[in-house]
Amino acid sequence: MGWASGSAILASLCIAFLCWFCFGAVGYAIIQSIATKEMKKYGLNPKYGGFKKPAIKAKVDELRAAEATYAGTTGFAGPSSTPPGLA
């Protein structure tokens, strides 16, 4: 989503806390289900006890490398830049 790593972690913790505060265990389970479904779109599969950090890190590295390759071949540096031809 383009967040700094610290901001994403803080947002995750706040959402987890607010889910328990506002909705209890059912709300927390729903949010976890939504997050798991989104992670599965990127080819990550949960193991017993959740997602494993090395698997997530490897997928993030893979996506960043693909993004860098795309930016290098097209000149488009991501959502914050103007695509070539539209400047």
Protein backbone atom coordinates (compact mmCIF):
# COMPACT_ATOMS: atom_id res chain seq x y z
CA MET A 1 0.00 0.00 0.00
CA GLY A 2 3.03 2.25 -0.04
CA TRP A 3 3.30 2.67 3.73
CA ALA A 4 6.53 2.87 5.67
CA SER A 5 7.17 -0.38 7.52
CA GLY A 6 6.71 1.24 10.93
CA SER A 7 3.38 2.76 9.91
CA ALA A 8 2.06 -0.55 8.61
CA ILE A 9 2.96 -2.34 11.84
CA LEU A 10 1.41 0.40 13.96
CA ALA A 11 -1.76 0.33 11.85
CA SER A 12 -1.96 -3.45 12.19
CA LEU A 13 -1.64 -3.27 15.97
CA CYS A 14 -4.23 -0.50 16.21
CA ILE A 15 -6.67 -2.42 14.03
CA ALA A 16 -6.16 -5.56 16.12
CA PHE A 17 -6.76 -3.62 19.34
CA LEU A 18 -9.81 -1.82 17.98
CA CYS A 19 -11.30 -5.05 16.68
CA TRP A 20 -11.17 -6.56 20.16
CA PHE A 21 -12.41 -3.34 21.72
CA CYS A 22 -15.31 -2.76 19.34
CA PHE A 23 -16.28 -6.18 18.06
CA GLY A 24 -14.71 -8.75 20.33
CA ALA A 25 -13.41 -12.07 19.10
CA VAL A 26 -15.89 -12.27 16.21
CA GLY A 27 -14.77 -8.93 14.76
CA TYR A 28 -11.14 -9.86 15.18
CA ALA A 29 -11.72 -13.16 13.36
CA ILE A 30 -13.48 -11.34 10.50
CA ILE A 31 -10.59 -8.89 10.09
CA GLN A 32 -8.09 -11.76 10.21
CA SER A 33 -10.10 -13.56 7.53
CA ILE A 34 -10.05 -10.49 5.28
CA ALA A 35 -6.30 -10.04 5.76
CA THR A 36 -5.63 -13.73 5.07
CA LYS A 37 -7.71 -13.60 1.90
CA GLU A 38 -5.71 -10.58 0.67
CA MET A 39 -2.38 -12.30 1.43
CA LYS A 40 -3.49 -15.40 -0.47
CA LYS A 41 -3.90 -13.20 -3.58
CA TYR A 42 -0.11 -12.81 -3.50
CA GLY A 43 0.54 -16.54 -3.23
CA LEU A 44 1.12 -16.68 0.53
CA ASN A 45 -0.47 -19.60 2.35
CA PRO A 46 -0.88 -19.72 6.12
CA LYS A 47 0.80 -22.53 8.02
CA TYR A 48 -0.14 -23.73 11.48
CA GLY A 49 0.00 -20.64 13.68
CA GLY A 50 -0.29 -18.12 10.83
CA PHE A 51 1.98 -16.76 8.15
CA LYS A 52 5.70 -17.31 8.55
CA LYS A 53 7.88 -14.21 8.51
CA PRO A 54 10.51 -15.61 6.08
CA ALA A 55 7.79 -16.44 3.54
CA ILE A 56 6.35 -12.94 3.78
CA LYS A 57 9.80 -11.35 3.50
CA ALA A 58 10.62 -13.46 0.43
CA LYS A 59 7.34 -12.43 -1.26
CA VAL A 60 7.92 -8.75 -0.47
CA ASP A 61 11.43 -8.96 -1.91
CA GLU A 62 10.05 -10.69 -5.02
CA LEU A 63 7.38 -8.03 -5.53
CA ARG A 64 9.89 -5.21 -5.02
CA ALA A 65 12.24 -6.76 -7.57
CA ALA A 66 9.39 -7.10 -10.06
CA GLU A 67 8.40 -3.49 -9.44
CA ALA A 68 12.00 -2.32 -9.98
CA THR A 69 12.20 -4.32 -13.22
CA TYR A 70 8.93 -2.80 -14.41
CA ALA A 71 10.12 0.71 -13.53
CA GLY A 72 13.42 0.10 -15.34
CA THR A 73 11.78 -1.12 -18.56
CA THR A 74 8.97 1.43 -18.74
CA GLY A 75 10.40 4.46 -16.97
CA PHE A 76 7.37 4.43 -14.65
CA ALA A 77 8.50 4.72 -11.03
CA GLY A 78 5.23 3.87 -9.33
CA PRO A 79 1.97 5.53 -8.37
CA SER A 80 3.62 8.75 -7.21
CA SER A 81 5.11 9.45 -10.65
CA THR A 82 3.50 10.44 -13.92
CA PRO A 83 3.40 7.61 -16.46
CA PRO A 84 5.44 8.14 -19.62
CA GLY A 85 3.43 9.89 -22.31
CA LEU A 86 1.16 11.69 -19.85
CA ALA A 87 3.65 14.31 -18.71
